[in-house]
């Protein structure tokens, strides 16, 4: 190590040019660290915003479902009064309850699927930001046009692979959510009246 420093010192100009280059390299490294920290902070902020939006969307779906159920119950009562069906029918009441339960289960399955798919998409975005930050370092270290082209094509290939893999996961999650929602609806199939 001392030999390397001695040889660097021996080849550095006497006028302090080596010290200036070292100082410039340190300043560039500090600037790169600040950019990386800013990117990490932005990614964290985006993560918090996305989590908040997902939570708000889930609450909105739940609230809408509850409101819909109450409206359906009120509409059913009004309809029964309008047509003179004042006597309660336990079979109809039970079937209505089963229908509402099926809709609730199906909606919950779809909301969970949307949440899980959003999470995968967000993870892909986070990973892409991190990969791009690392890519700048790899591209900056290239010493020839051929090396630059090889590194760039590898980075593009890796990026496309990430998108494909995430797309497969999102498709699987979506398919599972739809299947679960359909099963909930089928399990409460309405008999002929």
C-alpha atoms as a PDB file:
ATOM      1  CA  UNK A   1       0.000   0.000   0.000  1.00  0.00           C
ATOM      2  CA  UNK A   2       2.848   2.343   0.903  1.00  0.00           C
ATOM      3  CA  UNK A   3       4.523   1.489  -2.426  1.00  0.00           C
ATOM      4  CA  UNK A   4       1.361   2.406  -4.303  1.00  0.00           C
ATOM      5  CA  UNK A   5       1.063   5.702  -2.434  1.00  0.00           C
ATOM      6  CA  UNK A   6       4.747   6.407  -2.967  1.00  0.00           C
ATOM      7  CA  UNK A   7       4.467   5.698  -6.693  1.00  0.00           C
ATOM      8  CA  UNK A   8       1.379   7.936  -6.875  1.00  0.00           C
ATOM      9  CA  UNK A   9       3.242  10.642  -5.050  1.00  0.00           C
ATOM     10  CA  UNK A  10       6.227  10.264  -7.349  1.00  0.00           C
ATOM     11  CA  UNK A  11       4.113  10.562 -10.491  1.00  0.00           C
ATOM     12  CA  UNK A  12       1.995  13.477  -9.176  1.00  0.00           C
ATOM     13  CA  UNK A  13       3.037  16.908 -10.346  1.00  0.00           C
ATOM     14  CA  UNK A  14       4.910  18.996  -7.844  1.00  0.00           C
ATOM     15  CA  UNK A  15       2.351  21.807  -8.138  1.00  0.00           C
ATOM     16  CA  UNK A  16      -0.388  19.956  -6.218  1.00  0.00           C
ATOM     17  CA  UNK A  17      -2.301  18.655  -9.255  1.00  0.00           C
ATOM     18  CA  UNK A  18      -2.619  15.233  -7.614  1.00  0.00           C
ATOM     19  CA  UNK A  19      -4.117  16.770  -4.500  1.00  0.00           C
ATOM     20  CA  UNK A  20      -6.613  18.711  -6.613  1.00  0.00           C
ATOM     21  CA  UNK A  21      -7.604  15.544  -8.491  1.00  0.00           C
ATOM     22  CA  UNK A  22      -8.018  13.694  -5.210  1.00  0.00           C
ATOM     23  CA  UNK A  23     -10.125  16.525  -3.818  1.00  0.00           C
ATOM     24  CA  UNK A  24     -12.254  16.562  -7.001  1.00  0.00           C
ATOM     25  CA  UNK A  25     -12.741  12.788  -6.750  1.00  0.00           C
ATOM     26  CA  UNK A  26     -13.818  13.126  -3.123  1.00  0.00           C
ATOM     27  CA  UNK A  27     -16.227  15.922  -4.031  1.00  0.00           C
ATOM     28  CA  UNK A  28     -17.694  13.807  -6.845  1.00  0.00           C
ATOM     29  CA  UNK A  29     -18.069  10.863  -4.469  1.00  0.00           C
ATOM     30  CA  UNK A  30     -19.774  13.065  -1.878  1.00  0.00           C
ATOM     31  CA  UNK A  31     -22.144  14.410  -4.536  1.00  0.00           C
ATOM     32  CA  UNK A  32     -22.949  10.850  -5.663  1.00  0.00           C
ATOM     33  CA  UNK A  33     -23.616   9.864  -2.042  1.00  0.00           C
ATOM     34  CA  UNK A  34     -25.965  12.838  -1.648  1.00  0.00           C
ATOM     35  CA  UNK A  35     -27.823  11.877  -4.850  1.00  0.00           C
ATOM     36  CA  UNK A  36     -28.125   8.277  -3.677  1.00  0.00           C
ATOM     37  CA  UNK A  37     -29.415   9.397  -0.277  1.00  0.00           C
ATOM     38  CA  UNK A  38     -31.928  11.711  -1.960  1.00  0.00           C
ATOM     39  CA  UNK A  39     -33.090   8.812  -4.147  1.00  0.00           C
ATOM     40  CA  UNK A  40     -33.482   6.566  -1.103  1.00  0.00           C
ATOM     41  CA  UNK A  41     -35.449   9.286   0.687  1.00  0.00           C
ATOM     42  CA  UNK A  42     -37.681   9.770  -2.364  1.00  0.00           C
ATOM     43  CA  UNK A  43     -38.244   6.016  -2.620  1.00  0.00           C
ATOM     44  CA  UNK A  44     -39.177   5.853   1.067  1.00  0.00           C
ATOM     45  CA  UNK A  45     -41.551   8.796   0.684  1.00  0.00           C
ATOM     46  CA  UNK A  46     -43.152   7.157  -2.359  1.00  0.00           C
ATOM     47  CA  UNK A  47     -43.524   3.938  -0.363  1.00  0.00           C
ATOM     48  CA  UNK A  48     -45.297   5.744   2.456  1.00  0.00           C
ATOM     49  CA  UNK A  49     -47.599   7.542   0.019  1.00  0.00           C
ATOM     50  CA  UNK A  50     -48.462   4.292  -1.764  1.00  0.00           C
ATOM     51  CA  UNK A  51     -49.197   2.514   1.521  1.00  0.00           C
ATOM     52  CA  UNK A  52     -51.445   5.379   2.566  1.00  0.00           C
ATOM     53  CA  UNK A  53     -53.275   5.314  -0.777  1.00  0.00           C
ATOM     54  CA  UNK A  54     -53.759   1.548  -0.592  1.00  0.00           C
ATOM     55  CA  UNK A  55     -55.127   1.812   2.936  1.00  0.00           C
ATOM     56  CA  UNK A  56     -57.470   4.628   1.906  1.00  0.00           C
ATOM     57  CA  UNK A  57     -58.686   2.604  -1.084  1.00  0.00           C
ATOM     58  CA  UNK A  58     -59.360  -0.426   1.122  1.00  0.00           C
ATOM     59  CA  UNK A  59     -61.319   1.716   3.562  1.00  0.00           C
ATOM     60  CA  UNK A  60     -63.295   3.239   0.689  1.00  0.00           C
ATOM     61  CA  UNK A  61     -64.157  -0.210  -0.700  1.00  0.00           C
ATOM     62  CA  UNK A  62     -65.242  -1.423   2.733  1.00  0.00           C
ATOM     63  CA  UNK A  63     -67.309   1.701   3.373  1.00  0.00           C
ATOM     64  CA  UNK A  64     -68.930   1.497  -0.062  1.00  0.00           C
ATOM     65  CA  UNK A  65     -69.784  -2.138   0.483  1.00  0.00           C
ATOM     66  CA  UNK A  66     -71.381  -1.400   3.860  1.00  0.00           C
ATOM     67  CA  UNK A  67     -73.349   1.487   2.361  1.00  0.00           C
ATOM     68  CA  UNK A  68     -74.467  -0.732  -0.499  1.00  0.00           C
ATOM     69  CA  UNK A  69     -75.643  -3.422   1.882  1.00  0.00           C
ATOM     70  CA  UNK A  70     -77.644  -0.905   3.928  1.00  0.00           C
ATOM     71  CA  UNK A  71     -79.167   0.562   0.750  1.00  0.00           C
ATOM     72  CA  UNK A  72     -80.046  -2.901  -0.517  1.00  0.00           C
ATOM     73  CA  UNK A  73     -81.702  -3.764   2.784  1.00  0.00           C
ATOM     74  CA  UNK A  74     -83.696  -0.503   2.724  1.00  0.00           C
ATOM     75  CA  UNK A  75     -84.662  -1.027  -0.896  1.00  0.00           C
ATOM     76  CA  UNK A  76     -85.792  -4.569  -0.133  1.00  0.00           C
ATOM     77  CA  UNK A  77     -87.922  -3.362   2.777  1.00  0.00           C
ATOM     78  CA  UNK A  78     -89.482  -0.616   0.645  1.00  0.00           C
ATOM     79  CA  UNK A  79     -90.181  -3.041  -2.165  1.00  0.00           C
ATOM     80  CA  UNK A  80     -91.800  -5.515   0.187  1.00  0.00           C
ATOM     81  CA  UNK A  81     -94.006  -2.788   1.699  1.00  0.00           C
ATOM     82  CA  UNK A  82     -94.962  -1.485  -1.747  1.00  0.00           C
ATOM     83  CA  UNK A  83     -96.111  -4.897  -2.895  1.00  0.00           C
ATOM     84  CA  UNK A  84     -97.910  -5.707   0.347  1.00  0.00           C
ATOM     85  CA  UNK A  85     -95.528  -8.393   1.461  1.00  0.00           C
ATOM     86  CA  UNK A  86     -95.536  -7.361   5.079  1.00  0.00           C
ATOM     87  CA  UNK A  87     -95.255 -10.839   6.517  1.00  0.00           C
ATOM     88  CA  UNK A  88     -91.665 -11.849   6.896  1.00  0.00           C
ATOM     89  CA  UNK A  89     -90.385 -14.730   4.835  1.00  0.00           C
ATOM     90  CA  UNK A  90     -87.497 -16.454   6.613  1.00  0.00           C
ATOM     91  CA  UNK A  91     -86.352 -18.215   3.435  1.00  0.00           C
ATOM     92  CA  UNK A  92     -86.078 -14.943   1.509  1.00  0.00           C
ATOM     93  CA  UNK A  93     -84.376 -13.246   4.426  1.00  0.00           C
ATOM     94  CA  UNK A  94     -81.876 -16.088   4.667  1.00  0.00           C
ATOM     95  CA  UNK A  95     -81.184 -16.022   0.930  1.00  0.00           C
ATOM     96  CA  UNK A  96     -80.724 -12.236   1.025  1.00  0.00           C
ATOM     97  CA  UNK A  97     -78.246 -12.611   3.870  1.00  0.00           C
ATOM     98  CA  UNK A  98     -76.347 -15.279   1.913  1.00  0.00           C
ATOM     99  CA  UNK A  99     -76.256 -13.037  -1.159  1.00  0.00           C
ATOM    100  CA  UNK A 100     -74.889 -10.137   0.842  1.00  0.00           C
ATOM    101  CA  UNK A 101     -72.306 -12.422   2.431  1.00  0.00           C
ATOM    102  CA  UNK A 102     -71.247 -13.721  -1.001  1.00  0.00           C
ATOM    103  CA  UNK A 103     -70.891 -10.169  -2.340  1.00  0.00           C
ATOM    104  CA  UNK A 104     -68.880  -9.205   0.732  1.00  0.00           C
ATOM    105  CA  UNK A 105     -66.528 -12.187   0.370  1.00  0.00           C
ATOM    106  CA  UNK A 106     -66.098 -11.566  -3.357  1.00  0.00           C
ATOM    107  CA  UNK A 107     -65.399  -7.867  -2.820  1.00  0.00           C
ATOM    108  CA  UNK A 108     -62.894  -8.655  -0.083  1.00  0.00           C
ATOM    109  CA  UNK A 109     -61.103 -11.143  -2.328  1.00  0.00           C
ATOM    110  CA  UNK A 110     -60.890  -8.599  -5.147  1.00  0.00           C
ATOM    111  CA  UNK A 111     -59.694  -5.830  -2.808  1.00  0.00           C
ATOM    112  CA  UNK A 112     -57.010  -8.123  -1.370  1.00  0.00           C
ATOM    113  CA  UNK A 113     -55.907  -9.068  -4.888  1.00  0.00           C
ATOM    114  CA  UNK A 114     -55.677  -5.396  -5.884  1.00  0.00           C
ATOM    115  CA  UNK A 115     -53.659  -4.655  -2.738  1.00  0.00           C
ATOM    116  CA  UNK A 116     -51.267  -7.551  -3.357  1.00  0.00           C
ATOM    117  CA  UNK A 117     -50.834  -6.610  -7.037  1.00  0.00           C
ATOM    118  CA  UNK A 118     -50.138  -2.995  -6.053  1.00  0.00           C
ATOM    119  CA  UNK A 119     -47.516  -4.180  -3.583  1.00  0.00           C
ATOM    120  CA  UNK A 120     -45.740  -6.242  -6.260  1.00  0.00           C
ATOM    121  CA  UNK A 121     -45.835  -3.291  -8.659  1.00  0.00           C
ATOM    122  CA  UNK A 122     -44.414  -0.997  -5.989  1.00  0.00           C
ATOM    123  CA  UNK A 123     -41.658  -3.501  -5.185  1.00  0.00           C
ATOM    124  CA  UNK A 124     -40.790  -3.611  -8.889  1.00  0.00           C
ATOM    125  CA  UNK A 125     -40.572   0.178  -8.977  1.00  0.00           C
ATOM    126  CA  UNK A 126     -38.340   0.249  -5.890  1.00  0.00           C
ATOM    127  CA  UNK A 127     -36.086  -2.433  -7.330  1.00  0.00           C
ATOM    128  CA  UNK A 128     -35.887  -0.565 -10.644  1.00  0.00           C
ATOM    129  CA  UNK A 129     -34.802   2.650  -8.897  1.00  0.00           C
ATOM    130  CA  UNK A 130     -32.108   0.762  -6.994  1.00  0.00           C
ATOM    131  CA  UNK A 131     -30.967  -1.044 -10.136  1.00  0.00           C
ATOM    132  CA  UNK A 132     -30.775   2.234 -12.052  1.00  0.00           C
ATOM    133  CA  UNK A 133     -28.635   3.814  -9.329  1.00  0.00           C
ATOM    134  CA  UNK A 134     -26.272   0.857  -9.462  1.00  0.00           C
ATOM    135  CA  UNK A 135     -26.297   0.987 -13.270  1.00  0.00           C
ATOM    136  CA  UNK A 136     -24.924   4.537 -13.280  1.00  0.00           C
ATOM    137  CA  UNK A 137     -21.880   3.286 -11.405  1.00  0.00           C
ATOM    138  CA  UNK A 138     -21.404   0.365 -13.772  1.00  0.00           C
ATOM    139  CA  UNK A 139     -21.775   2.552 -16.852  1.00  0.00           C
ATOM    140  CA  UNK A 140     -19.423   5.156 -15.413  1.00  0.00           C
ATOM    141  CA  UNK A 141     -16.734   2.519 -14.896  1.00  0.00           C
ATOM    142  CA  UNK A 142     -16.718   1.513 -18.586  1.00  0.00           C
ATOM    143  CA  UNK A 143     -13.478   2.307 -20.378  1.00  0.00           C
ATOM    144  CA  UNK A 144     -14.478   1.558 -23.967  1.00  0.00           C
ATOM    145  CA  UNK A 145     -17.472   1.848 -26.235  1.00  0.00           C
ATOM    146  CA  UNK A 146     -17.712  -1.953 -26.539  1.00  0.00           C
ATOM    147  CA  UNK A 147     -17.706  -2.357 -22.756  1.00  0.00           C
ATOM    148  CA  UNK A 148     -20.352   0.361 -22.462  1.00  0.00           C
ATOM    149  CA  UNK A 149     -22.561  -1.406 -25.030  1.00  0.00           C
ATOM    150  CA  UNK A 150     -22.153  -4.768 -23.275  1.00  0.00           C
ATOM    151  CA  UNK A 151     -22.989  -3.346 -19.831  1.00  0.00           C
ATOM    152  CA  UNK A 152     -25.938  -1.379 -21.240  1.00  0.00           C
ATOM    153  CA  UNK A 153     -27.420  -4.416 -23.016  1.00  0.00           C
ATOM    154  CA  UNK A 154     -27.045  -6.529 -19.857  1.00  0.00           C
ATOM    155  CA  UNK A 155     -28.784  -3.851 -17.786  1.00  0.00           C
ATOM    156  CA  UNK A 156     -31.628  -3.637 -20.302  1.00  0.00           C
ATOM    157  CA  UNK A 157     -31.982  -7.435 -20.321  1.00  0.00           C
ATOM    158  CA  UNK A 158     -32.057  -7.571 -16.511  1.00  0.00           C
ATOM    159  CA  UNK A 159     -34.628  -4.778 -16.391  1.00  0.00           C
ATOM    160  CA  UNK A 160     -36.902  -6.552 -18.874  1.00  0.00           C
ATOM    161  CA  UNK A 161     -36.518  -9.797 -16.910  1.00  0.00           C
ATOM    162  CA  UNK A 162     -37.643  -7.993 -13.729  1.00  0.00           C
ATOM    163  CA  UNK A 163     -40.720  -6.622 -15.510  1.00  0.00           C
ATOM    164  CA  UNK A 164     -41.626 -10.057 -16.893  1.00  0.00           C
ATOM    165  CA  UNK A 165     -41.230 -11.787 -13.528  1.00  0.00           C
ATOM    166  CA  UNK A 166     -43.266  -9.128 -11.747  1.00  0.00           C
ATOM    167  CA  UNK A 167     -45.910  -9.302 -14.483  1.00  0.00           C
ATOM    168  CA  UNK A 168     -46.209 -13.043 -13.951  1.00  0.00           C
ATOM    169  CA  UNK A 169     -46.683 -12.538 -10.202  1.00  0.00           C
ATOM    170  CA  UNK A 170     -49.278  -9.786 -10.751  1.00  0.00           C
ATOM    171  CA  UNK A 171     -51.154 -11.975 -13.249  1.00  0.00           C
ATOM    172  CA  UNK A 172     -51.138 -14.911 -10.800  1.00  0.00           C
ATOM    173  CA  UNK A 173     -52.359 -12.711  -7.953  1.00  0.00           C
ATOM    174  CA  UNK A 174     -55.112 -11.257 -10.135  1.00  0.00           C
ATOM    175  CA  UNK A 175     -56.203 -14.676 -11.357  1.00  0.00           C
ATOM    176  CA  UNK A 176     -56.271 -16.052  -7.803  1.00  0.00           C
ATOM    177  CA  UNK A 177     -58.332 -13.073  -6.590  1.00  0.00           C
ATOM    178  CA  UNK A 178     -60.850 -13.461  -9.420  1.00  0.00           C
ATOM    179  CA  UNK A 179     -61.061 -17.213  -8.827  1.00  0.00           C
ATOM    180  CA  UNK A 180     -61.631 -16.655  -5.096  1.00  0.00           C
ATOM    181  CA  UNK A 181     -64.313 -14.013  -5.787  1.00  0.00           C
ATOM    182  CA  UNK A 182     -66.070 -16.291  -8.285  1.00  0.00           C
ATOM    183  CA  UNK A 183     -65.957 -19.174  -5.796  1.00  0.00           C
ATOM    184  CA  UNK A 184     -67.531 -16.961  -3.131  1.00  0.00           C
ATOM    185  CA  UNK A 185     -70.325 -16.053  -5.512  1.00  0.00           C
ATOM    186  CA  UNK A 186     -70.871 -19.682  -6.601  1.00  0.00           C
ATOM    187  CA  UNK A 187     -70.912 -20.943  -3.012  1.00  0.00           C
ATOM    188  CA  UNK A 188     -73.967 -18.814  -2.363  1.00  0.00           C
ATOM    189  CA  UNK A 189     -75.754 -19.615  -5.632  1.00  0.00           C
ATOM    190  CA  UNK A 190     -79.296 -18.321  -5.483  1.00  0.00           C
ATOM    191  CA  UNK A 191     -81.974 -20.972  -5.841  1.00  0.00           C
ATOM    192  CA  UNK A 192     -84.843 -20.407  -8.239  1.00  0.00           C
ATOM    193  CA  UNK A 193     -87.685 -18.474  -6.578  1.00  0.00           C
END
